[in-house]
Amino acid sequence: MTLPIPESPLLRVQDLAVEFTVGGRRARAVDRLSYELRPGEVLGMVGESGCGKSVSALALMRLVPEPGQIAGGEVWFDGRNLLSLPEREMRPLRGGQIAMIFQDPLSALNPVLTVGFQVMEAIALHQRVPRKVAWERAVEMLRRVHLPDAEHRARFYPHQLSGGQRQRVMIAIAFSCSPRLVIADEPTTALDVTVQQQVLELMLELRQEFGTAILLITHDLGVVAQTCDRVLVMYAGRAVEVGSVRAIFHTPRHPYTAALLRSLPRLEGKRSDRLALIPGQPPDIFTLPTGCPFHPRCPLADDRCAAEMPPWTDFSSAHGSRCWHAGDVTLAK
């Protein structure tokens, strides 16, 4: 069953910019990023490592690590600009209304506290209930994420659980306070294929139950195809294409998106066929090329691409891209 997606956004990011200063040099890891996320919607944010996905997500919660800083823009959540809220108002939103699932649960969980205590702690902090009640709710939440023998394993430490079980604990913590938004940063990267599928199904099951919007950060377009309603493709800190899953997978309008799709393995391919590779490497944010940052790797690039940043072009109310040659993009190898 698919949840109906309301028209009014829960999250609206407008011209978000994040800068890093290292050795006297300044660079933008996120540059004028804009997008919307509606209640109950799953938005996939994709791109190669270093394109700004994780940094942009941390900026939503004002958790950008030093030497980074938020350099501009607005982040509207439920009618409030998170970037201008006092810290005392921001603190209860983190973990309460906005929760995060990290890529590596072993490093994200406290190694000296039991997993049940860590779920209980989140519930006690944000729901302000007695610790006995919080513990009962924590165990119930661990059951709901299908942790085997939850009451017993709630007293385990993180190292005593498997990778998939630790990720279930992270999901339990994230959903324990019925958040309106969950940011999942590469939540299945370190898991084998079977466990990965179970974790994705679990997230969608809880999204269905709580009506939670999910921002899913991943480099895996196969995961996006299974789980997301819309896709935002990032390159060198910028959004280069946004659209529905169907539009992105069937009619990509940016050469980078098409290149990512061509790199997916295909069942109908011959055994001798090789995966298509994207030539070159993502650019260093401290030495970005002029014009479109993808032009050194793009088969469609011309002199204009090297000289001028292309404007954003909308092809429909739900699909747009930033490319001078959007009409010439093809998935053909």
C-alpha atoms as a PDB file:
ATOM      1  CA  MET A   1       0.000   0.000   0.000  1.00  0.00           C
ATOM      2  CA  THR A   2       1.307   3.461  -0.924  1.00  0.00           C
ATOM      3  CA  LEU A   3       0.703   6.379   1.386  1.00  0.00           C
ATOM      4  CA  PRO A   4      -0.980   9.420  -0.193  1.00  0.00           C
ATOM      5  CA  ILE A   5       1.590  12.250  -0.367  1.00  0.00           C
ATOM      6  CA  PRO A   6       0.175  15.621   0.786  1.00  0.00           C
ATOM      7  CA  GLU A   7       0.808  18.640  -1.418  1.00  0.00           C
ATOM      8  CA  SER A   8       2.234  20.964   1.264  1.00  0.00           C
ATOM      9  CA  PRO A   9       5.884  20.222   2.145  1.00  0.00           C
ATOM     10  CA  LEU A  10       7.014  19.159   5.602  1.00  0.00           C
ATOM     11  CA  LEU A  11      10.594  20.155   4.763  1.00  0.00           C
ATOM     12  CA  ARG A  12      11.625  22.916   2.380  1.00  0.00           C
ATOM     13  CA  VAL A  13      15.323  23.528   1.804  1.00  0.00           C
ATOM     14  CA  GLN A  14      16.110  26.771   0.002  1.00  0.00           C
ATOM     15  CA  ASP A  15      19.579  27.743  -1.298  1.00  0.00           C
ATOM     16  CA  LEU A  16      21.408  25.810   1.438  1.00  0.00           C
ATOM     17  CA  ALA A  17      25.182  26.398   1.420  1.00  0.00           C
ATOM     18  CA  VAL A  18      27.859  24.696   3.542  1.00  0.00           C
ATOM     19  CA  GLU A  19      31.478  25.832   3.442  1.00  0.00           C
ATOM     20  CA  PHE A  20      34.730  24.305   4.678  1.00  0.00           C
ATOM     21  CA  THR A  21      37.889  26.325   5.340  1.00  0.00           C
ATOM     22  CA  VAL A  22      41.126  24.326   5.393  1.00  0.00           C
ATOM     23  CA  GLY A  23      44.614  25.828   5.341  1.00  0.00           C
ATOM     24  CA  GLY A  24      43.219  29.237   4.505  1.00  0.00           C
ATOM     25  CA  ARG A  25      41.314  27.884   1.493  1.00  0.00           C
ATOM     26  CA  ARG A  26      37.534  27.997   1.438  1.00  0.00           C
ATOM     27  CA  ALA A  27      35.266  25.710  -0.559  1.00  0.00           C
ATOM     28  CA  ARG A  28      31.560  25.005  -0.779  1.00  0.00           C
ATOM     29  CA  ALA A  29      30.661  21.373  -0.110  1.00  0.00           C
ATOM     30  CA  VAL A  30      26.979  22.225  -0.600  1.00  0.00           C
ATOM     31  CA  ASP A  31      26.102  25.036  -2.993  1.00  0.00           C
ATOM     32  CA  ARG A  32      22.611  26.569  -3.150  1.00  0.00           C
ATOM     33  CA  LEU A  33      20.802  23.297  -2.646  1.00  0.00           C
ATOM     34  CA  SER A  34      16.997  23.480  -2.826  1.00  0.00           C
ATOM     35  CA  TYR A  35      14.360  20.755  -2.552  1.00  0.00           C
ATOM     36  CA  GLU A  36      11.117  19.825  -0.784  1.00  0.00           C
ATOM     37  CA  LEU A  37       9.954  16.749   1.112  1.00  0.00           C
ATOM     38  CA  ARG A  38       6.308  16.075   1.879  1.00  0.00           C
ATOM     39  CA  PRO A  39       4.824  14.183   4.854  1.00  0.00           C
ATOM     40  CA  GLY A  40       5.079  10.428   4.310  1.00  0.00           C
ATOM     41  CA  GLU A  41       7.254  10.797   1.203  1.00  0.00           C
ATOM     42  CA  VAL A  42      10.538   8.946   0.630  1.00  0.00           C
ATOM     43  CA  LEU A  43      13.098  11.094  -1.196  1.00  0.00           C
ATOM     44  CA  GLY A  44      16.295   9.430  -2.398  1.00  0.00           C
ATOM     45  CA  MET A  45      19.422  11.606  -2.476  1.00  0.00           C
ATOM     46  CA  VAL A  46      22.020   9.986  -4.744  1.00  0.00           C
ATOM     47  CA  GLY A  47      25.493  10.662  -6.072  1.00  0.00           C
ATOM     48  CA  GLU A  48      29.087   9.536  -5.771  1.00  0.00           C
ATOM     49  CA  SER A  49      31.056   9.841  -2.538  1.00  0.00           C
ATOM     50  CA  GLY A  50      32.057  13.425  -1.807  1.00  0.00           C
ATOM     51  CA  CYS A  51      29.165  15.076  -3.657  1.00  0.00           C
ATOM     52  CA  GLY A  52      27.753  16.670  -0.474  1.00  0.00           C
ATOM     53  CA  LYS A  53      24.911  14.292   0.426  1.00  0.00           C
ATOM     54  CA  SER A  54      25.852  13.591   4.056  1.00  0.00           C
ATOM     55  CA  VAL A  55      27.028  17.140   4.758  1.00  0.00           C
ATOM     56  CA  SER A  56      23.734  18.561   3.494  1.00  0.00           C
ATOM     57  CA  ALA A  57      21.831  16.158   5.766  1.00  0.00           C
ATOM     58  CA  LEU A  58      23.886  17.122   8.813  1.00  0.00           C
ATOM     59  CA  ALA A  59      23.188  20.768   7.987  1.00  0.00           C
ATOM     60  CA  LEU A  60      19.446  20.130   8.350  1.00  0.00           C
ATOM     61  CA  MET A  61      20.075  19.284  12.013  1.00  0.00           C
ATOM     62  CA  ARG A  62      22.781  21.949  12.438  1.00  0.00           C
ATOM     63  CA  LEU A  63      25.389  19.275  13.118  1.00  0.00           C
ATOM     64  CA  VAL A  64      27.992  20.145  10.460  1.00  0.00           C
ATOM     65  CA  PRO A  65      31.398  19.182  11.900  1.00  0.00           C
ATOM     66  CA  GLU A  66      34.263  21.669  12.067  1.00  0.00           C
ATOM     67  CA  PRO A  67      35.882  23.167  10.051  1.00  0.00           C
ATOM     68  CA  GLY A  68      32.567  23.279   8.186  1.00  0.00           C
ATOM     69  CA  GLN A  69      29.879  25.880   8.680  1.00  0.00           C
ATOM     70  CA  ILE A  70      26.466  26.668   7.253  1.00  0.00           C
ATOM     71  CA  ALA A  71      27.094  29.649   4.979  1.00  0.00           C
ATOM     72  CA  GLY A  72      23.585  30.500   3.829  1.00  0.00           C
ATOM     73  CA  GLY A  73      20.099  29.404   2.911  1.00  0.00           C
ATOM     74  CA  GLU A  74      16.979  28.377   4.788  1.00  0.00           C
ATOM     75  CA  VAL A  75      15.677  25.058   6.108  1.00  0.00           C
ATOM     76  CA  TRP A  76      11.943  25.243   6.773  1.00  0.00           C
ATOM     77  CA  PHE A  77      10.529  22.379   8.835  1.00  0.00           C
ATOM     78  CA  ASP A  78       6.854  22.449   9.731  1.00  0.00           C
ATOM     79  CA  GLY A  79       6.771  26.212   9.214  1.00  0.00           C
ATOM     80  CA  ARG A  80       9.940  27.081  11.183  1.00  0.00           C
ATOM     81  CA  ASN A  81      13.355  27.986   9.806  1.00  0.00           C
ATOM     82  CA  LEU A  82      15.690  25.591  11.617  1.00  0.00           C
ATOM     83  CA  LEU A  83      18.756  27.660  10.795  1.00  0.00           C
ATOM     84  CA  SER A  84      17.475  30.633  12.790  1.00  0.00           C
ATOM     85  CA  LEU A  85      16.057  28.770  15.808  1.00  0.00           C
ATOM     86  CA  PRO A  86      17.775  29.221  19.191  1.00  0.00           C
ATOM     87  CA  GLU A  87      19.674  26.099  20.225  1.00  0.00           C
ATOM     88  CA  ARG A  88      17.265  25.519  23.134  1.00  0.00           C
ATOM     89  CA  GLU A  89      14.428  25.129  20.583  1.00  0.00           C
ATOM     90  CA  MET A  90      16.523  23.089  18.171  1.00  0.00           C
ATOM     91  CA  ARG A  91      17.630  20.529  20.749  1.00  0.00           C
ATOM     92  CA  PRO A  92      14.231  18.871  21.333  1.00  0.00           C
ATOM     93  CA  LEU A  93      13.657  18.597  17.579  1.00  0.00           C
ATOM     94  CA  ARG A  94      16.753  16.408  17.165  1.00  0.00           C
ATOM     95  CA  GLY A  95      15.697  12.849  17.890  1.00  0.00           C
ATOM     96  CA  GLY A  96      12.160  13.962  18.678  1.00  0.00           C
ATOM     97  CA  GLN A  97      10.681  15.228  15.407  1.00  0.00           C
ATOM     98  CA  ILE A  98      13.780  14.739  13.224  1.00  0.00           C
ATOM     99  CA  ALA A  99      15.786  11.542  13.668  1.00  0.00           C
ATOM    100  CA  MET A 100      18.832  10.144  11.931  1.00  0.00           C
ATOM    101  CA  ILE A 101      19.984   6.618  11.052  1.00  0.00           C
ATOM    102  CA  PHE A 102      23.735   6.486  10.492  1.00  0.00           C
ATOM    103  CA  GLN A 103      25.739   4.346   8.097  1.00  0.00           C
ATOM    104  CA  ASP A 104      27.813   2.561  10.770  1.00  0.00           C
ATOM    105  CA  PRO A 105      25.707   1.601  13.798  1.00  0.00           C
ATOM    106  CA  LEU A 106      28.714   0.226  15.687  1.00  0.00           C
ATOM    107  CA  SER A 107      30.327   3.671  15.823  1.00  0.00           C
ATOM    108  CA  ALA A 108      27.015   5.505  16.275  1.00  0.00           C
ATOM    109  CA  LEU A 109      25.902   3.411  19.276  1.00  0.00           C
ATOM    110  CA  ASN A 110      27.533   3.898  22.681  1.00  0.00           C
ATOM    111  CA  PRO A 111      29.704   0.792  23.274  1.00  0.00           C
ATOM    112  CA  VAL A 112      29.421   0.909  27.083  1.00  0.00           C
ATOM    113  CA  LEU A 113      25.622   1.104  27.287  1.00  0.00           C
ATOM    114  CA  THR A 114      23.160  -1.676  26.518  1.00  0.00           C
ATOM    115  CA  VAL A 115      21.096  -1.236  23.375  1.00  0.00           C
ATOM    116  CA  GLY A 116      17.876  -1.263  25.375  1.00  0.00           C
ATOM    117  CA  PHE A 117      19.167   1.564  27.558  1.00  0.00           C
ATOM    118  CA  GLN A 118      19.985   3.614  24.477  1.00  0.00           C
ATOM    119  CA  VAL A 119      16.469   3.220  23.074  1.00  0.00           C
ATOM    120  CA  MET A 120      15.028   3.944  26.520  1.00  0.00           C
ATOM    121  CA  GLU A 121      17.175   7.067  26.845  1.00  0.00           C
ATOM    122  CA  ALA A 122      15.725   8.542  23.638  1.00  0.00           C
ATOM    123  CA  ILE A 123      12.165   7.832  24.777  1.00  0.00           C
ATOM    124  CA  ALA A 124      12.712   9.213  28.311  1.00  0.00           C
ATOM    125  CA  LEU A 125      14.346  12.377  26.950  1.00  0.00           C
ATOM    126  CA  HIS A 126      11.748  13.309  24.354  1.00  0.00           C
ATOM    127  CA  GLN A 127       8.540  11.841  25.788  1.00  0.00           C
ATOM    128  CA  ARG A 128       9.300  12.680  29.434  1.00  0.00           C
ATOM    129  CA  VAL A 129       7.952   9.454  30.895  1.00  0.00           C
ATOM    130  CA  PRO A 130       9.243   7.493  33.931  1.00  0.00           C
ATOM    131  CA  ARG A 131      12.229   5.275  33.173  1.00  0.00           C
ATOM    132  CA  LYS A 132      10.240   2.096  33.864  1.00  0.00           C
ATOM    133  CA  VAL A 133       7.665   3.112  31.255  1.00  0.00           C
ATOM    134  CA  ALA A 134      10.446   4.176  28.889  1.00  0.00           C
ATOM    135  CA  TRP A 135      12.121   0.753  29.285  1.00  0.00           C
ATOM    136  CA  GLU A 136       8.884  -1.086  28.497  1.00  0.00           C
ATOM    137  CA  ARG A 137       8.387   1.075  25.413  1.00  0.00           C
ATOM    138  CA  ALA A 138      12.001   0.494  24.383  1.00  0.00           C
ATOM    139  CA  VAL A 139      11.597  -3.279  24.523  1.00  0.00           C
ATOM    140  CA  GLU A 140       8.345  -3.017  22.585  1.00  0.00           C
ATOM    141  CA  MET A 141      10.084  -0.870  19.965  1.00  0.00           C
ATOM    142  CA  LEU A 142      12.834  -3.479  19.627  1.00  0.00           C
ATOM    143  CA  ARG A 143      10.121  -6.083  19.048  1.00  0.00           C
ATOM    144  CA  ARG A 144       8.580  -3.887  16.370  1.00  0.00           C
ATOM    145  CA  VAL A 145      11.879  -3.755  14.482  1.00  0.00           C
ATOM    146  CA  HIS A 146      11.934  -7.569  14.654  1.00  0.00           C
ATOM    147  CA  LEU A 147      14.958  -7.926  16.939  1.00  0.00           C
ATOM    148  CA  PRO A 148      14.839 -11.620  17.959  1.00  0.00           C
ATOM    149  CA  ASP A 149      14.126 -12.223  21.659  1.00  0.00           C
ATOM    150  CA  ALA A 150      13.927  -8.463  22.178  1.00  0.00           C
ATOM    151  CA  GLU A 151      13.517  -8.495  25.958  1.00  0.00           C
ATOM    152  CA  HIS A 152      16.697 -10.550  26.346  1.00  0.00           C
ATOM    153  CA  ARG A 153      18.765  -8.797  23.680  1.00  0.00           C
ATOM    154  CA  ALA A 154      17.791  -5.358  25.015  1.00  0.00           C
ATOM    155  CA  ARG A 155      20.400  -6.059  27.722  1.00  0.00           C
ATOM    156  CA  PHE A 156      23.122  -6.771  25.146  1.00  0.00           C
ATOM    157  CA  TYR A 157      25.894  -4.331  24.306  1.00  0.00           C
ATOM    158  CA  PRO A 158      26.320  -3.274  20.660  1.00  0.00           C
ATOM    159  CA  HIS A 159      29.319  -5.544  20.047  1.00  0.00           C
ATOM    160  CA  GLN A 160      27.231  -8.563  21.063  1.00  0.00           C
ATOM    161  CA  LEU A 161      24.834  -8.069  18.136  1.00  0.00           C
ATOM    162  CA  SER A 162      25.291  -8.691  14.420  1.00  0.00           C
ATOM    163  CA  GLY A 163      25.529  -5.793  11.965  1.00  0.00           C
ATOM    164  CA  GLY A 164      21.926  -6.225  10.876  1.00  0.00           C
ATOM    165  CA  GLN A 165      20.717  -6.368  14.492  1.00  0.00           C
ATOM    166  CA  ARG A 166      22.653  -3.208  15.365  1.00  0.00           C
ATOM    167  CA  GLN A 167      21.034  -1.422  12.425  1.00  0.00           C
ATOM    168  CA  ARG A 168      17.618  -2.552  13.701  1.00  0.00           C
ATOM    169  CA  VAL A 169      18.509  -0.960  17.045  1.00  0.00           C
ATOM    170  CA  MET A 170      19.407   2.287  15.254  1.00  0.00           C
ATOM    171  CA  ILE A 171      16.065   2.194  13.457  1.00  0.00           C
ATOM    172  CA  ALA A 172      14.303   1.554  16.767  1.00  0.00           C
ATOM    173  CA  ILE A 173      16.000   4.617  18.288  1.00  0.00           C
ATOM    174  CA  ALA A 174      15.118   6.730  15.251  1.00  0.00           C
ATOM    175  CA  PHE A 175      11.421   5.766  15.210  1.00  0.00           C
ATOM    176  CA  SER A 176      10.970   5.481  19.000  1.00  0.00           C
ATOM    177  CA  CYS A 177       9.502   8.976  19.346  1.00  0.00           C
ATOM    178  CA  SER A 178       7.324   8.847  16.211  1.00  0.00           C
ATOM    179  CA  PRO A 179       9.385  11.453  14.308  1.00  0.00           C
ATOM    180  CA  ARG A 180       7.957  13.353  11.391  1.00  0.00           C
ATOM    181  CA  LEU A 181      11.224  13.092   9.441  1.00  0.00           C
ATOM    182  CA  VAL A 182      13.914  10.397   9.431  1.00  0.00           C
ATOM    183  CA  ILE A 183      17.233  10.994   7.681  1.00  0.00           C
ATOM    184  CA  ALA A 184      18.784   7.653   6.727  1.00  0.00           C
ATOM    185  CA  ASP A 185      22.430   8.088   5.696  1.00  0.00           C
ATOM    186  CA  GLU A 186      23.567   5.013   3.734  1.00  0.00           C
ATOM    187  CA  PRO A 187      21.716   2.743   6.213  1.00  0.00           C
ATOM    188  CA  THR A 188      22.432  -0.519   4.359  1.00  0.00           C
ATOM    189  CA  THR A 189      25.956  -0.028   2.981  1.00  0.00           C
ATOM    190  CA  ALA A 190      27.746  -2.402   5.375  1.00  0.00           C
ATOM    191  CA  LEU A 191      25.072  -5.131   5.231  1.00  0.00           C
ATOM    192  CA  ASP A 192      24.821  -8.195   3.023  1.00  0.00           C
ATOM    193  CA  VAL A 193      22.094  -8.265   0.390  1.00  0.00           C
ATOM    194  CA  THR A 194      19.566 -10.299   2.388  1.00  0.00           C
ATOM    195  CA  VAL A 195      19.884  -8.168   5.521  1.00  0.00           C
ATOM    196  CA  GLN A 196      19.852  -5.017   3.394  1.00  0.00           C
ATOM    197  CA  GLN A 197      16.472  -6.004   1.964  1.00  0.00           C
ATOM    198  CA  GLN A 198      15.106  -6.722   5.445  1.00  0.00           C
ATOM    199  CA  VAL A 199      16.255  -3.335   6.751  1.00  0.00           C
ATOM    200  CA  LEU A 200      14.720  -1.460   3.806  1.00  0.00           C
ATOM    201  CA  GLU A 201      11.417  -3.303   4.217  1.00  0.00           C
ATOM    202  CA  LEU A 202      11.474  -2.507   7.933  1.00  0.00           C
ATOM    203  CA  MET A 203      11.986   1.208   7.294  1.00  0.00           C
ATOM    204  CA  LEU A 204       9.087   1.271   4.829  1.00  0.00           C
ATOM    205  CA  GLU A 205       6.915  -0.688   7.270  1.00  0.00           C
ATOM    206  CA  LEU A 206       7.561   1.883  10.026  1.00  0.00           C
ATOM    207  CA  ARG A 207       7.085   4.746   7.583  1.00  0.00           C
ATOM    208  CA  GLN A 208       3.675   3.275   6.781  1.00  0.00           C
ATOM    209  CA  GLU A 209       2.816   2.949  10.467  1.00  0.00           C
ATOM    210  CA  PHE A 210       3.996   6.389  11.617  1.00  0.00           C
ATOM    211  CA  GLY A 211       3.460   8.420   8.432  1.00  0.00           C
ATOM    212  CA  THR A 212       7.091   9.512   8.631  1.00  0.00           C
ATOM    213  CA  ALA A 213       8.874  11.231   5.750  1.00  0.00           C
ATOM    214  CA  ILE A 214      12.260   9.691   4.913  1.00  0.00           C
ATOM    215  CA  LEU A 215      15.289  11.317   3.326  1.00  0.00           C
ATOM    216  CA  LEU A 216      17.290   8.308   2.096  1.00  0.00           C
ATOM    217  CA  ILE A 217      20.917   9.078   1.266  1.00  0.00           C
ATOM    218  CA  THR A 218      22.541   6.424  -0.882  1.00  0.00           C
ATOM    219  CA  HIS A 219      24.825   5.792  -3.851  1.00  0.00           C
ATOM    220  CA  ASP A 220      22.806   2.677  -4.770  1.00  0.00           C
ATOM    221  CA  LEU A 221      20.182   3.356  -7.442  1.00  0.00           C
ATOM    222  CA  GLY A 222      18.841  -0.174  -6.967  1.00  0.00           C
ATOM    223  CA  VAL A 223      17.874   0.785  -3.404  1.00  0.00           C
ATOM    224  CA  VAL A 224      16.262   3.974  -4.730  1.00  0.00           C
ATOM    225  CA  ALA A 225      14.168   2.024  -7.234  1.00  0.00           C
ATOM    226  CA  GLN A 226      12.815  -0.203  -4.442  1.00  0.00           C
ATOM    227  CA  THR A 227      12.040   2.394  -1.816  1.00  0.00           C
ATOM    228  CA  CYS A 228      11.711   5.983  -3.045  1.00  0.00           C
ATOM    229  CA  ASP A 229       8.946   8.172  -4.428  1.00  0.00           C
ATOM    230  CA  ARG A 230      11.285  10.842  -5.832  1.00  0.00           C
ATOM    231  CA  VAL A 231      15.002  11.216  -6.493  1.00  0.00           C
ATOM    232  CA  LEU A 232      17.436  14.112  -6.069  1.00  0.00           C
ATOM    233  CA  VAL A 233      20.746  13.637  -7.909  1.00  0.00           C
ATOM    234  CA  MET A 234      23.732  15.589  -6.541  1.00  0.00           C
ATOM    235  CA  TYR A 235      27.090  16.386  -8.105  1.00  0.00           C
ATOM    236  CA  ALA A 236      29.833  18.605  -6.655  1.00  0.00           C
ATOM    237  CA  GLY A 237      27.529  19.960  -3.957  1.00  0.00           C
ATOM    238  CA  ARG A 238      24.677  20.898  -6.277  1.00  0.00           C
ATOM    239  CA  ALA A 239      21.377  19.331  -7.258  1.00  0.00           C
ATOM    240  CA  VAL A 240      21.690  18.450 -10.952  1.00  0.00           C
ATOM    241  CA  GLU A 241      18.354  16.640 -11.377  1.00  0.00           C
ATOM    242  CA  VAL A 242      15.165  16.091  -9.390  1.00  0.00           C
ATOM    243  CA  GLY A 243      12.198  13.979 -10.418  1.00  0.00           C
ATOM    244  CA  SER A 244       9.944  11.045  -9.719  1.00  0.00           C
ATOM    245  CA  VAL A 245      11.548   7.606  -9.695  1.00  0.00           C
ATOM    246  CA  ARG A 246       9.816   6.813 -12.981  1.00  0.00           C
ATOM    247  CA  ALA A 247      11.012  10.022 -14.657  1.00  0.00           C
ATOM    248  CA  ILE A 248      14.586   9.643 -13.453  1.00  0.00           C
ATOM    249  CA  PHE A 249      14.883   5.978 -14.439  1.00  0.00           C
ATOM    250  CA  HIS A 250      13.108   6.219 -17.791  1.00  0.00           C
ATOM    251  CA  THR A 251      13.851   9.749 -19.046  1.00  0.00           C
ATOM    252  CA  PRO A 252      16.905  11.176 -17.268  1.00  0.00           C
ATOM    253  CA  ARG A 253      17.626  14.777 -18.215  1.00  0.00           C
ATOM    254  CA  HIS A 254      21.222  15.084 -17.013  1.00  0.00           C
ATOM    255  CA  PRO A 255      24.260  13.202 -18.427  1.00  0.00           C
ATOM    256  CA  TYR A 256      25.439  12.385 -14.894  1.00  0.00           C
ATOM    257  CA  THR A 257      22.116  10.752 -14.020  1.00  0.00           C
ATOM    258  CA  ALA A 258      22.208   8.767 -17.266  1.00  0.00           C
ATOM    259  CA  ALA A 259      25.786   7.672 -16.529  1.00  0.00           C
ATOM    260  CA  LEU A 260      24.803   6.457 -13.065  1.00  0.00           C
ATOM    261  CA  LEU A 261      21.932   4.471 -14.554  1.00  0.00           C
ATOM    262  CA  ARG A 262      24.159   2.924 -17.243  1.00  0.00           C
ATOM    263  CA  SER A 263      26.491   1.693 -14.499  1.00  0.00           C
ATOM    264  CA  LEU A 264      23.730  -0.465 -12.995  1.00  0.00           C
ATOM    265  CA  PRO A 265      24.050  -4.222 -13.715  1.00  0.00           C
ATOM    266  CA  ARG A 266      21.312  -5.533 -16.023  1.00  0.00           C
ATOM    267  CA  LEU A 267      19.821  -9.015 -16.114  1.00  0.00           C
ATOM    268  CA  GLU A 268      19.367  -8.934 -19.885  1.00  0.00           C
ATOM    269  CA  GLY A 269      23.044  -8.191 -20.543  1.00  0.00           C
ATOM    270  CA  LYS A 270      25.431 -10.741 -22.023  1.00  0.00           C
ATOM    271  CA  ARG A 271      27.969 -12.418 -19.773  1.00  0.00           C
ATOM    272  CA  SER A 272      30.750 -10.687 -21.720  1.00  0.00           C
ATOM    273  CA  ASP A 273      29.219  -7.220 -21.257  1.00  0.00           C
ATOM    274  CA  ARG A 274      31.097  -4.913 -18.902  1.00  0.00           C
ATOM    275  CA  LEU A 275      29.456  -2.363 -16.659  1.00  0.00           C
ATOM    276  CA  ALA A 276      29.623   1.145 -18.084  1.00  0.00           C
ATOM    277  CA  LEU A 277      31.997   3.329 -16.093  1.00  0.00           C
ATOM    278  CA  ILE A 278      31.929   7.096 -15.645  1.00  0.00           C
ATOM    279  CA  PRO A 279      35.322   8.370 -16.835  1.00  0.00           C
ATOM    280  CA  GLY A 280      37.458  10.465 -14.497  1.00  0.00           C
ATOM    281  CA  GLN A 281      36.864  11.345 -10.860  1.00  0.00           C
ATOM    282  CA  PRO A 282      34.518  13.718  -9.014  1.00  0.00           C
ATOM    283  CA  PRO A 283      36.168  17.139  -8.731  1.00  0.00           C
ATOM    284  CA  ASP A 284      37.985  18.454  -5.668  1.00  0.00           C
ATOM    285  CA  ILE A 285      35.650  21.039  -4.115  1.00  0.00           C
ATOM    286  CA  PHE A 286      38.655  23.343  -3.572  1.00  0.00           C
ATOM    287  CA  THR A 287      39.456  23.358  -7.300  1.00  0.00           C
ATOM    288  CA  LEU A 288      36.141  23.060  -9.094  1.00  0.00           C
ATOM    289  CA  PRO A 289      36.248  23.498 -12.874  1.00  0.00           C
ATOM    290  CA  THR A 290      34.613  26.542 -14.431  1.00  0.00           C
ATOM    291  CA  GLY A 291      31.130  26.261 -15.879  1.00  0.00           C
ATOM    292  CA  CYS A 292      29.304  23.000 -15.271  1.00  0.00           C
ATOM    293  CA  PRO A 293      31.408  20.943 -12.806  1.00  0.00           C
ATOM    294  CA  PHE A 294      30.531  17.716 -14.678  1.00  0.00           C
ATOM    295  CA  HIS A 295      31.831  18.932 -18.057  1.00  0.00           C
ATOM    296  CA  PRO A 296      35.323  17.313 -17.813  1.00  0.00           C
ATOM    297  CA  ARG A 297      33.616  13.893 -17.574  1.00  0.00           C
ATOM    298  CA  CYS A 298      30.619  14.555 -19.832  1.00  0.00           C
ATOM    299  CA  PRO A 299      30.313  13.104 -23.363  1.00  0.00           C
ATOM    300  CA  LEU A 300      28.015  15.973 -24.389  1.00  0.00           C
ATOM    301  CA  ALA A 301      30.200  18.829 -23.127  1.00  0.00           C
ATOM    302  CA  ASP A 302      31.055  21.765 -25.392  1.00  0.00           C
ATOM    303  CA  ASP A 303      32.651  25.191 -24.959  1.00  0.00           C
ATOM    304  CA  ARG A 304      29.538  26.654 -23.340  1.00  0.00           C
ATOM    305  CA  CYS A 305      29.538  23.882 -20.719  1.00  0.00           C
ATOM    306  CA  ALA A 306      33.128  24.743 -19.806  1.00  0.00           C
ATOM    307  CA  ALA A 307      32.391  28.478 -19.595  1.00  0.00           C
ATOM    308  CA  GLU A 308      28.930  28.866 -18.044  1.00  0.00           C
ATOM    309  CA  MET A 309      26.984  27.163 -15.281  1.00  0.00           C
ATOM    310  CA  PRO A 310      23.724  25.964 -16.855  1.00  0.00           C
ATOM    311  CA  PRO A 311      20.479  27.283 -15.382  1.00  0.00           C
ATOM    312  CA  TRP A 312      17.846  25.084 -13.777  1.00  0.00           C
ATOM    313  CA  THR A 313      15.201  23.942 -16.283  1.00  0.00           C
ATOM    314  CA  ASP A 314      11.818  22.441 -15.354  1.00  0.00           C
ATOM    315  CA  PHE A 315      10.409  19.864 -17.801  1.00  0.00           C
ATOM    316  CA  SER A 316       7.273  19.300 -15.727  1.00  0.00           C
ATOM    317  CA  SER A 317       5.994  20.331 -12.329  1.00  0.00           C
ATOM    318  CA  ALA A 318       7.922  17.407 -10.800  1.00  0.00           C
ATOM    319  CA  HIS A 319      11.001  16.984 -13.014  1.00  0.00           C
ATOM    320  CA  GLY A 320      13.885  19.333 -13.682  1.00  0.00           C
ATOM    321  CA  SER A 321      17.635  19.414 -14.258  1.00  0.00           C
ATOM    322  CA  ARG A 322      20.648  21.691 -14.622  1.00  0.00           C
ATOM    323  CA  CYS A 323      22.168  20.960 -18.057  1.00  0.00           C
ATOM    324  CA  TRP A 324      22.705  22.791 -21.358  1.00  0.00           C
ATOM    325  CA  HIS A 325      22.046  19.530 -23.251  1.00  0.00           C
ATOM    326  CA  ALA A 326      19.101  18.158 -21.279  1.00  0.00           C
ATOM    327  CA  GLY A 327      17.186  17.349 -24.461  1.00  0.00           C
ATOM    328  CA  ASP A 328      20.060  15.260 -25.834  1.00  0.00           C
ATOM    329  CA  VAL A 329      20.516  12.948 -22.837  1.00  0.00           C
ATOM    330  CA  THR A 330      20.044   9.250 -23.618  1.00  0.00           C
ATOM    331  CA  LEU A 331      20.425   5.979 -21.723  1.00  0.00           C
ATOM    332  CA  ALA A 332      21.886   4.217 -24.774  1.00  0.00           C
ATOM    333  CA  LYS A 333      25.357   2.802 -24.213  1.00  0.00           C
END
